[in-house]
Amino acid sequence: MDTTTPVRLYDPEFNTDPRGFYRRMRAGHGPVVPVLMDGDVPAWLVIGYRELHGVLSDSDTFARHPGRWNAWDRVPENWPLLPMLAPLPNVLCSEGDEHRRRTRAINDAVNGADPHELRTLVTRVADRLIDGFCGRGAADLRAEYAERVPALVLCRMFGLDDTTGAAVTSDMNALFNAGPDAIDAHRRMVGVFTRLITSRRAAPGPDIVSRMISHAAGYTDDDLNADLIAVLAGGHQTTGEWVGNALRLMLTDERFGSSLFGARSSAREALVEVLWEDSPSQMNAGRFASRDVELGGRMIRQGDLLLLGYAAANQDPGLRSQDEGPGRAANHAHLSFSHGEHSCPHAARGLAETMAVTAIEVLLDRLPDIELSVPADEVRWRPSPWVRGVIALPVSFTPATPQGDL
């Protein structure tokens, strides 16, 4: 195979069989793959664990600000990936002291939530959602539960009402699907947070937005708007898919079948395994070479874009022995939360874990005989290059009485 021929990431097979796609890329190109994104815009996809770990550890050589990119002249108008790569005044694009300033503000604002109150909030949201479908004996756990728990919890923590939160959730899905409506979805989200920031500056409350406004980081409205969207994107999308993927695993893998009644132990095991095998953070954009550098046998030129292949790196065969099974409950060396200076802020990581564990525990406590209502091989994955998650997760169970009616 010609190792110089770029791989088209918009090939439909990438969405239908990413694991097989990664294997073929690795066999034909090695750990660093020349790729073409939508519109044939070039980049490098890093799929080797050692190589990706090195990129994430060296933020001087592999910098974060998109203004460094050398291919902006090749980006088409209304490019669907623009919201993912546009230079924005947020924590994702910042570098050095500016990045550390923003990270401190996010950690402090999220840590401002009382852990007991957070678990109580997640439990109440989960119970309310289950009440909405438990009497039917059937549900789509992705659309009716896994996607909605983190969205509703985060919107409450931000100070948004449920109606506005539902609209923001829909727009966030459009953003990560990277379709033709991604840019308009981003504009609508900016509008929602602009109004929210104005409201909280006038009347602060016990919420994340108010704590970030009052933080010593000294946010402007535009900077705060961009960071709020970044926090919501990381907290909602990936956590929702994390819950959905873990539930899919528990409902389809016989190793978990006998332990559903013991969900409080098996939930954590499933969540860790998913981070290795079906990482909700499939790929991320990205890093930009600050100088010419060799990586994985490739010459990366200054300004080249590197896409971070978290899912592929976690599946690197060089990381696993030949006889190792998929269970990795005690191993947290995966890259699903990224690594290094630009990894997921520790407070946000703890928030995501609390939401995910609590959501699964509450569901399986309430509906202990839940089972998948379609064959396992009919569960389809959503067509997104960025996140890994199921399109639907239909289940059946013995109808139960809503707790609100007790």
Protein backbone atom coordinates (compact mmCIF):
# COMPACT_ATOMS: atom_id res chain seq x y z
CA MET A 1 0.00 0.00 0.00
CA ASP A 2 1.19 3.50 -0.80
CA THR A 3 1.86 4.99 2.63
CA THR A 4 1.77 8.53 1.18
CA THR A 5 -1.81 8.33 -0.15
CA PRO A 6 -4.11 10.15 2.28
CA VAL A 7 -7.06 8.32 3.81
CA ARG A 8 -10.46 10.02 3.47
CA LEU A 9 -12.04 10.28 6.90
CA TYR A 10 -15.43 10.96 5.33
CA ASP A 11 -15.47 7.44 3.86
CA PRO A 12 -18.79 5.92 5.09
CA GLU A 13 -16.86 2.89 6.32
CA PHE A 14 -15.13 5.05 8.91
CA ASN A 15 -18.48 5.53 10.67
CA THR A 16 -19.77 1.99 10.21
CA ASP A 17 -16.59 0.13 11.20
CA PRO A 18 -14.07 2.52 12.80
CA ARG A 19 -12.21 -0.30 14.54
CA GLY A 20 -11.62 -2.13 11.27
CA PHE A 21 -10.78 1.16 9.59
CA TYR A 22 -8.13 1.88 12.23
CA ARG A 23 -6.62 -1.61 11.80
CA ARG A 24 -6.26 -1.11 8.05
CA MET A 25 -4.82 2.38 8.52
CA ARG A 26 -2.31 1.04 11.01
CA ALA A 27 -1.29 -1.81 8.73
CA GLY A 28 -0.92 0.43 5.68
CA HIS A 29 0.38 3.66 7.18
CA GLY A 30 1.76 3.04 10.66
CA PRO A 31 1.06 5.11 13.78
CA VAL A 32 0.71 8.49 12.02
CA VAL A 33 -1.64 8.58 9.04
CA PRO A 34 -2.04 11.25 6.34
CA VAL A 35 -5.79 11.96 6.11
CA LEU A 36 -8.26 14.16 4.31
CA MET A 37 -11.17 15.70 6.18
CA ASP A 38 -14.39 16.98 4.56
CA GLY A 39 -13.57 19.08 1.51
CA ASP A 40 -10.25 17.21 1.19
CA VAL A 41 -8.61 19.43 3.80
CA PRO A 42 -5.36 17.68 4.87
CA ALA A 43 -4.28 16.62 8.35
CA TRP A 44 -2.39 13.90 10.20
CA LEU A 45 -4.27 11.37 12.34
CA VAL A 46 -2.20 10.03 15.24
CA ILE A 47 -3.33 6.47 16.05
CA GLY A 48 -0.28 5.03 17.83
CA TYR A 49 -0.52 5.05 21.63
CA ARG A 50 3.14 5.96 22.18
CA GLU A 51 3.04 8.64 19.50
CA LEU A 52 -0.21 10.16 20.77
CA HIS A 53 1.03 10.11 24.36
CA GLY A 54 4.11 11.98 23.17
CA VAL A 55 2.07 14.59 21.32
CA LEU A 56 -0.17 15.20 24.34
CA SER A 57 2.84 15.47 26.65
CA ASP A 58 4.68 18.10 24.57
CA SER A 59 2.48 21.18 24.28
CA ASP A 60 5.43 23.30 23.16
CA THR A 61 6.11 21.29 19.99
CA PHE A 62 2.47 20.30 19.44
CA ALA A 63 0.66 23.49 20.34
CA ARG A 64 -3.05 24.13 20.65
CA HIS A 65 -3.99 27.45 19.05
CA PRO A 66 -5.64 26.99 15.61
CA GLY A 67 -4.07 30.23 14.40
CA ARG A 68 -0.92 28.16 13.84
CA TRP A 69 -2.60 26.04 11.14
CA ASN A 70 -1.00 26.25 7.70
CA ALA A 71 -4.07 25.13 5.74
CA TRP A 72 -6.62 27.84 6.47
CA ASP A 73 -6.50 28.85 2.79
CA ARG A 74 -7.89 25.40 1.91
CA VAL A 75 -10.92 25.58 4.22
CA PRO A 76 -14.16 25.95 2.21
CA GLU A 77 -16.82 28.49 3.12
CA ASN A 78 -19.38 27.10 5.59
CA TRP A 79 -17.10 24.13 6.28
CA PRO A 80 -19.00 21.81 8.69
CA LEU A 81 -15.89 21.22 10.80
CA LEU A 82 -15.28 24.94 11.31
CA PRO A 83 -16.86 25.04 14.82
CA MET A 84 -14.35 22.34 15.85
CA LEU A 85 -11.29 24.14 14.50
CA ALA A 86 -12.06 27.85 14.49
CA PRO A 87 -9.76 29.96 16.70
CA LEU A 88 -12.04 30.73 19.65
CA PRO A 89 -11.26 32.53 22.90
CA ASN A 90 -11.72 29.39 24.99
CA VAL A 91 -9.78 26.96 27.15
CA LEU A 92 -9.42 24.50 24.26
CA CYS A 93 -7.56 26.97 22.03
CA SER A 94 -5.49 28.73 24.67
CA GLU A 95 -1.85 28.06 25.50
CA GLY A 96 0.61 28.63 28.35
CA ASP A 97 -0.41 30.98 31.15
CA GLU A 98 -3.71 31.79 29.44
CA HIS A 99 -4.65 28.11 29.38
CA ARG A 100 -3.68 27.65 33.02
CA ARG A 101 -5.76 30.72 33.99
CA ARG A 102 -8.85 29.34 32.30
CA THR A 103 -8.33 25.82 33.64
CA ARG A 104 -8.14 27.13 37.21
CA ALA A 105 -11.37 29.05 36.73
CA ILE A 106 -13.20 25.99 35.36
CA ASN A 107 -11.89 23.71 38.12
CA ASP A 108 -12.84 26.22 40.82
CA ALA A 109 -16.32 26.80 39.37
CA VAL A 110 -17.12 23.09 39.02
CA ASN A 111 -15.60 22.26 42.43
CA GLY A 112 -17.90 24.89 43.90
CA ALA A 113 -20.74 22.39 43.65
CA ASP A 114 -21.28 20.37 46.83
CA PRO A 115 -20.58 16.65 46.03
CA HIS A 116 -23.57 15.43 48.04
CA GLU A 117 -25.89 17.95 46.39
CA LEU A 118 -24.51 16.94 42.98
CA ARG A 119 -25.26 13.24 43.55
CA THR A 120 -28.71 14.18 44.83
CA LEU A 121 -29.34 16.29 41.72
CA VAL A 122 -28.23 13.48 39.38
CA THR A 123 -30.43 11.00 41.25
CA ARG A 124 -33.47 13.29 41.05
CA VAL A 125 -32.96 13.92 37.34
CA ALA A 126 -32.51 10.19 36.70
CA ASP A 127 -35.58 9.26 38.71
CA ARG A 128 -37.69 11.86 36.90
CA LEU A 129 -36.62 10.58 33.50
CA ILE A 130 -37.28 6.96 34.50
CA ASP A 131 -40.72 7.95 35.79
CA GLY A 132 -41.47 9.18 32.27
CA PHE A 133 -41.08 5.74 30.67
CA CYS A 134 -41.09 3.07 33.41
CA GLY A 135 -44.84 2.47 33.12
CA ARG A 136 -44.53 1.54 29.41
CA GLY A 137 -42.21 -1.40 29.89
CA ALA A 138 -40.06 -0.16 27.00
CA ALA A 139 -37.77 2.76 26.22
CA ASP A 140 -34.94 4.03 24.07
CA LEU A 141 -32.26 4.43 26.70
CA ARG A 142 -30.10 6.60 24.48
CA ALA A 143 -32.67 9.26 23.57
CA GLU A 144 -34.78 9.07 26.73
CA TYR A 145 -32.09 8.61 29.33
CA ALA A 146 -28.33 8.42 28.63
CA GLU A 147 -28.29 11.56 26.50
CA ARG A 148 -30.61 13.53 28.77
CA VAL A 149 -29.18 12.90 32.26
CA PRO A 150 -25.92 14.85 31.79
CA ALA A 151 -27.64 17.49 29.67
CA LEU A 152 -30.27 18.23 32.30
CA VAL A 153 -27.78 18.09 35.18
CA LEU A 154 -25.31 20.42 33.47
CA CYS A 155 -28.01 22.85 32.37
CA ARG A 156 -29.28 22.99 35.97
CA MET A 157 -25.71 23.59 37.17
CA PHE A 158 -25.37 26.37 34.60
CA GLY A 159 -28.69 27.91 35.62
CA LEU A 160 -30.64 27.05 32.44
CA ASP A 161 -34.26 25.88 32.52
CA ASP A 162 -35.12 22.46 31.06
CA THR A 163 -36.72 23.85 27.87
CA THR A 164 -33.66 25.90 26.99
CA GLY A 165 -31.45 23.00 28.00
CA ALA A 166 -33.25 20.69 25.57
CA ALA A 167 -32.67 23.14 22.71
CA VAL A 168 -28.98 23.49 23.61
CA THR A 169 -28.68 19.68 23.73
CA SER A 170 -30.13 19.38 20.23
CA ASP A 171 -27.71 21.99 18.91
CA MET A 172 -24.76 20.28 20.60
CA ASN A 173 -25.68 17.03 18.82
CA ALA A 174 -25.72 18.87 15.50
CA LEU A 175 -22.33 20.36 16.27
CA PHE A 176 -20.70 16.99 16.92
CA ASN A 177 -22.36 15.27 13.96
CA ALA A 178 -20.43 17.82 11.83
CA GLY A 179 -23.25 18.12 9.29
CA PRO A 180 -24.46 21.09 7.24
CA ASP A 181 -26.32 22.64 10.20
CA ALA A 182 -23.29 22.64 12.54
CA ILE A 183 -22.46 26.32 12.04
CA ASP A 184 -26.04 27.51 12.64
CA ALA A 185 -26.24 25.29 15.73
CA HIS A 186 -23.11 26.93 17.12
CA ARG A 187 -24.58 30.41 16.51
CA ARG A 188 -27.73 29.52 18.42
CA MET A 189 -25.71 28.23 21.37
CA VAL A 190 -23.69 31.45 21.48
CA GLY A 191 -26.99 33.36 21.62
CA VAL A 192 -28.28 31.28 24.53
CA PHE A 193 -25.14 31.80 26.59
CA THR A 194 -24.94 35.49 25.74
CA ARG A 195 -28.36 35.97 27.31
CA LEU A 196 -27.47 33.75 30.28
CA ILE A 197 -24.26 35.67 31.03
CA THR A 198 -26.11 39.01 30.89
CA SER A 199 -28.70 37.64 33.31
CA ARG A 200 -26.11 36.30 35.77
CA ARG A 201 -24.04 39.49 35.75
CA ALA A 202 -27.20 41.33 36.80
CA ALA A 203 -28.35 38.70 39.32
CA PRO A 204 -25.73 36.09 40.36
CA GLY A 205 -26.89 32.72 41.59
CA PRO A 206 -25.47 29.47 43.04
CA ASP A 207 -24.39 28.20 39.63
CA ILE A 208 -21.27 27.57 37.52
CA VAL A 209 -21.83 30.63 35.33
CA SER A 210 -22.02 33.00 38.32
CA ARG A 211 -18.90 31.45 39.88
CA MET A 212 -16.96 31.88 36.64
CA ILE A 213 -18.13 35.50 36.32
CA SER A 214 -16.87 36.30 39.83
CA HIS A 215 -13.62 34.35 39.44
CA ALA A 216 -10.27 36.14 39.61
CA ALA A 217 -9.65 35.02 36.02
CA GLY A 218 -11.56 38.17 35.02
CA TYR A 219 -13.61 36.82 32.12
CA THR A 220 -14.96 39.05 29.37
CA ASP A 221 -18.39 38.07 28.07
CA ASP A 222 -16.97 36.63 24.81
CA ASP A 223 -14.31 34.60 26.62
CA LEU A 224 -16.82 33.27 29.14
CA ASN A 225 -19.30 32.40 26.39
CA ALA A 226 -16.67 30.35 24.57
CA ASP A 227 -15.54 28.51 27.72
CA LEU A 228 -19.11 27.69 28.77
CA ILE A 229 -19.76 26.06 25.40
CA ALA A 230 -16.48 24.14 25.67
CA VAL A 231 -17.35 22.89 29.18
CA LEU A 232 -20.87 21.91 28.14
CA ALA A 233 -19.59 20.13 25.02
CA GLY A 234 -17.08 18.12 26.99
CA GLY A 235 -19.42 17.39 29.86
CA HIS A 236 -22.63 16.62 28.00
CA GLN A 237 -21.74 14.88 24.75
CA THR A 238 -19.01 12.60 25.99
CA THR A 239 -20.73 11.76 29.29
CA GLY A 240 -24.00 10.93 27.55
CA GLU A 241 -22.21 8.62 25.13
CA TRP A 242 -20.17 7.16 27.99
CA VAL A 243 -23.37 6.18 29.82
CA GLY A 244 -25.00 4.85 26.64
CA ASN A 245 -21.95 2.82 25.63
CA ALA A 246 -21.59 1.34 29.11
CA LEU A 247 -25.28 0.35 29.17
CA ARG A 248 -24.91 -1.21 25.71
CA LEU A 249 -21.95 -3.23 27.01
CA MET A 250 -23.78 -4.37 30.13
CA LEU A 251 -26.85 -5.40 28.10
CA THR A 252 -24.97 -7.26 25.37
CA ASP A 253 -21.95 -8.83 27.08
CA GLU A 254 -22.63 -12.02 29.03
CA ARG A 255 -19.88 -11.09 31.51
CA PHE A 256 -22.23 -8.43 32.86
CA GLY A 257 -25.51 -10.33 32.50
CA SER A 258 -25.34 -12.02 35.88
CA SER A 259 -24.20 -8.86 37.62
CA LEU A 260 -26.95 -6.46 36.59
CA PHE A 261 -28.53 -6.91 40.00
CA GLY A 262 -25.19 -5.89 41.50
CA ALA A 263 -25.04 -2.76 39.41
CA ARG A 264 -23.17 -0.76 42.01
CA SER A 265 -20.02 -2.82 41.39
CA SER A 266 -20.47 -3.67 37.71
CA ALA A 267 -21.28 -0.11 36.59
CA ARG A 268 -17.78 1.16 37.33
CA GLU A 269 -16.21 -1.84 35.60
CA ALA A 270 -18.29 -1.27 32.48
CA LEU A 271 -17.52 2.45 32.44
CA VAL A 272 -13.76 1.85 32.60
CA GLU A 273 -13.89 -0.85 29.92
CA VAL A 274 -15.82 1.44 27.58
CA LEU A 275 -13.09 4.07 27.90
CA TRP A 276 -10.72 1.49 26.43
CA GLU A 277 -12.93 -0.26 23.88
CA ASP A 278 -15.55 2.28 22.76
CA SER A 279 -14.23 5.62 23.92
CA PRO A 280 -16.88 8.34 23.66
CA SER A 281 -14.01 10.70 22.74
CA GLN A 282 -13.19 8.98 19.48
CA MET A 283 -11.12 11.73 17.87
CA ASN A 284 -10.27 15.32 18.64
CA ALA A 285 -8.98 18.32 16.72
CA GLY A 286 -6.27 18.92 17.49
CA ARG A 287 -2.67 20.04 17.79
CA PHE A 288 -0.53 22.17 15.46
CA ALA A 289 3.20 21.64 14.97
CA SER A 290 5.16 24.67 16.17
CA ARG A 291 8.19 23.51 14.15
CA ASP A 292 9.20 20.80 11.71
CA VAL A 293 9.37 17.54 13.66
CA GLU A 294 9.56 13.79 13.03
CA LEU A 295 6.73 11.71 14.49
CA GLY A 296 6.14 8.02 13.94
CA GLY A 297 8.37 7.99 10.87
CA ARG A 298 6.60 11.00 9.32
CA MET A 299 7.95 14.48 8.78
CA ILE A 300 5.40 16.87 10.26
CA ARG A 301 5.81 20.41 8.95
CA GLN A 302 5.37 23.57 10.97
CA GLY A 303 1.68 24.47 11.05
CA ASP A 304 0.44 20.97 10.16
CA LEU A 305 -2.73 19.85 11.93
CA LEU A 306 -2.64 16.66 13.99
CA LEU A 307 -5.92 14.94 14.83
CA LEU A 308 -5.84 13.06 18.13
CA GLY A 309 -7.03 9.47 17.61
CA TYR A 310 -7.93 8.57 21.20
CA ALA A 311 -10.02 5.51 20.31
CA ALA A 312 -7.44 4.15 17.88
CA ALA A 313 -4.56 4.70 20.30
CA ASN A 314 -6.43 2.89 23.08
CA GLN A 315 -6.70 -0.10 20.72
CA ASP A 316 -3.03 -0.05 19.67
CA PRO A 317 -1.95 -3.71 19.57
CA GLY A 318 1.49 -2.67 20.83
CA LEU A 319 -0.22 -1.79 24.12
CA ARG A 320 -1.72 -5.24 24.63
CA SER A 321 -0.41 -8.76 24.98
CA GLN A 322 -1.73 -11.32 22.54
CA ASP A 323 -3.78 -13.14 25.16
CA GLU A 324 -5.18 -10.07 26.94
CA GLY A 325 -8.96 -9.85 27.06
CA PRO A 326 -11.01 -6.68 26.85
CA GLY A 327 -11.60 -6.32 30.59
CA ARG A 328 -9.51 -3.47 32.00
CA ALA A 329 -11.31 -2.50 35.18
CA ALA A 330 -8.10 -1.79 37.09
CA ASN A 331 -6.21 -0.03 34.28
CA HIS A 332 -6.73 3.71 33.82
CA ALA A 333 -3.90 4.37 31.34
CA HIS A 334 -6.35 4.98 28.49
CA LEU A 335 -6.27 8.34 26.73
CA SER A 336 -10.03 8.94 26.68
CA PHE A 337 -9.69 11.94 29.00
CA SER A 338 -6.65 13.03 26.98
CA HIS A 339 -3.34 13.56 28.75
CA GLY A 340 -0.96 16.30 29.73
CA GLU A 341 -1.57 20.01 30.14
CA HIS A 342 -4.64 20.02 27.90
CA SER A 343 -6.33 16.95 29.37
CA CYS A 344 -9.87 17.17 30.70
CA PRO A 345 -9.79 19.37 33.85
CA HIS A 346 -9.79 17.15 36.93
CA ALA A 347 -12.97 18.71 38.33
CA ALA A 348 -14.84 18.13 35.07
CA ARG A 349 -13.59 14.54 34.99
CA GLY A 350 -14.92 13.95 38.50
CA LEU A 351 -18.25 15.54 37.55
CA ALA A 352 -18.57 13.26 34.52
CA GLU A 353 -17.81 10.17 36.58
CA THR A 354 -20.37 11.11 39.24
CA MET A 355 -23.06 11.62 36.58
CA ALA A 356 -22.23 8.39 34.74
CA VAL A 357 -21.99 6.08 37.75
CA THR A 358 -25.10 7.50 39.42
CA ALA A 359 -27.17 7.36 36.22
CA ILE A 360 -26.42 3.66 35.69
CA GLU A 361 -26.89 2.72 39.34
CA VAL A 362 -30.27 4.45 39.58
CA LEU A 363 -31.52 2.92 36.33
CA LEU A 364 -30.59 -0.65 37.25
CA ASP A 365 -31.86 -0.26 40.80
CA ARG A 366 -35.23 0.90 39.47
CA LEU A 367 -35.49 -1.53 36.53
CA PRO A 368 -33.42 -4.61 37.47
CA ASP A 369 -34.82 -6.92 34.75
CA ILE A 370 -34.05 -4.54 31.89
CA GLU A 371 -32.89 -6.17 28.65
CA LEU A 372 -32.13 -5.20 25.07
CA SER A 373 -35.22 -5.55 22.86
CA VAL A 374 -33.31 -6.01 19.56
CA PRO A 375 -30.43 -8.33 18.63
CA ALA A 376 -27.10 -6.92 19.77
CA ASP A 377 -25.80 -6.66 16.21
CA GLU A 378 -28.69 -4.36 15.28
CA VAL A 379 -27.51 -1.62 17.63
CA ARG A 380 -26.06 1.06 15.32
CA TRP A 381 -23.42 3.70 16.02
CA ARG A 382 -24.00 7.38 15.30
CA PRO A 383 -22.23 8.82 12.22
CA SER A 384 -19.80 11.18 13.92
CA PRO A 385 -16.01 11.30 13.45
CA TRP A 386 -15.60 12.92 16.86
CA VAL A 387 -17.72 10.95 19.33
CA ARG A 388 -18.56 7.26 19.63
CA GLY A 389 -22.12 6.52 20.67
CA VAL A 390 -25.15 4.46 19.72
CA ILE A 391 -27.99 5.92 17.65
CA ALA A 392 -30.59 4.12 19.75
CA LEU A 393 -30.67 1.62 22.63
CA PRO A 394 -34.15 0.05 22.72
CA VAL A 395 -34.91 -1.96 25.86
CA SER A 396 -37.79 -3.74 27.54
CA PHE A 397 -38.55 -4.44 31.22
CA THR A 398 -41.38 -5.17 33.61
CA PRO A 399 -43.55 -2.03 33.82
CA ALA A 400 -43.06 -0.21 37.09
CA THR A 401 -44.92 2.43 39.05
CA PRO A 402 -43.45 5.95 38.78
CA GLN A 403 -41.97 7.06 42.09
CA GLY A 404 -43.81 10.34 41.75
CA ASP A 405 -47.05 8.39 42.12
CA LEU A 406 -46.03 6.61 45.32
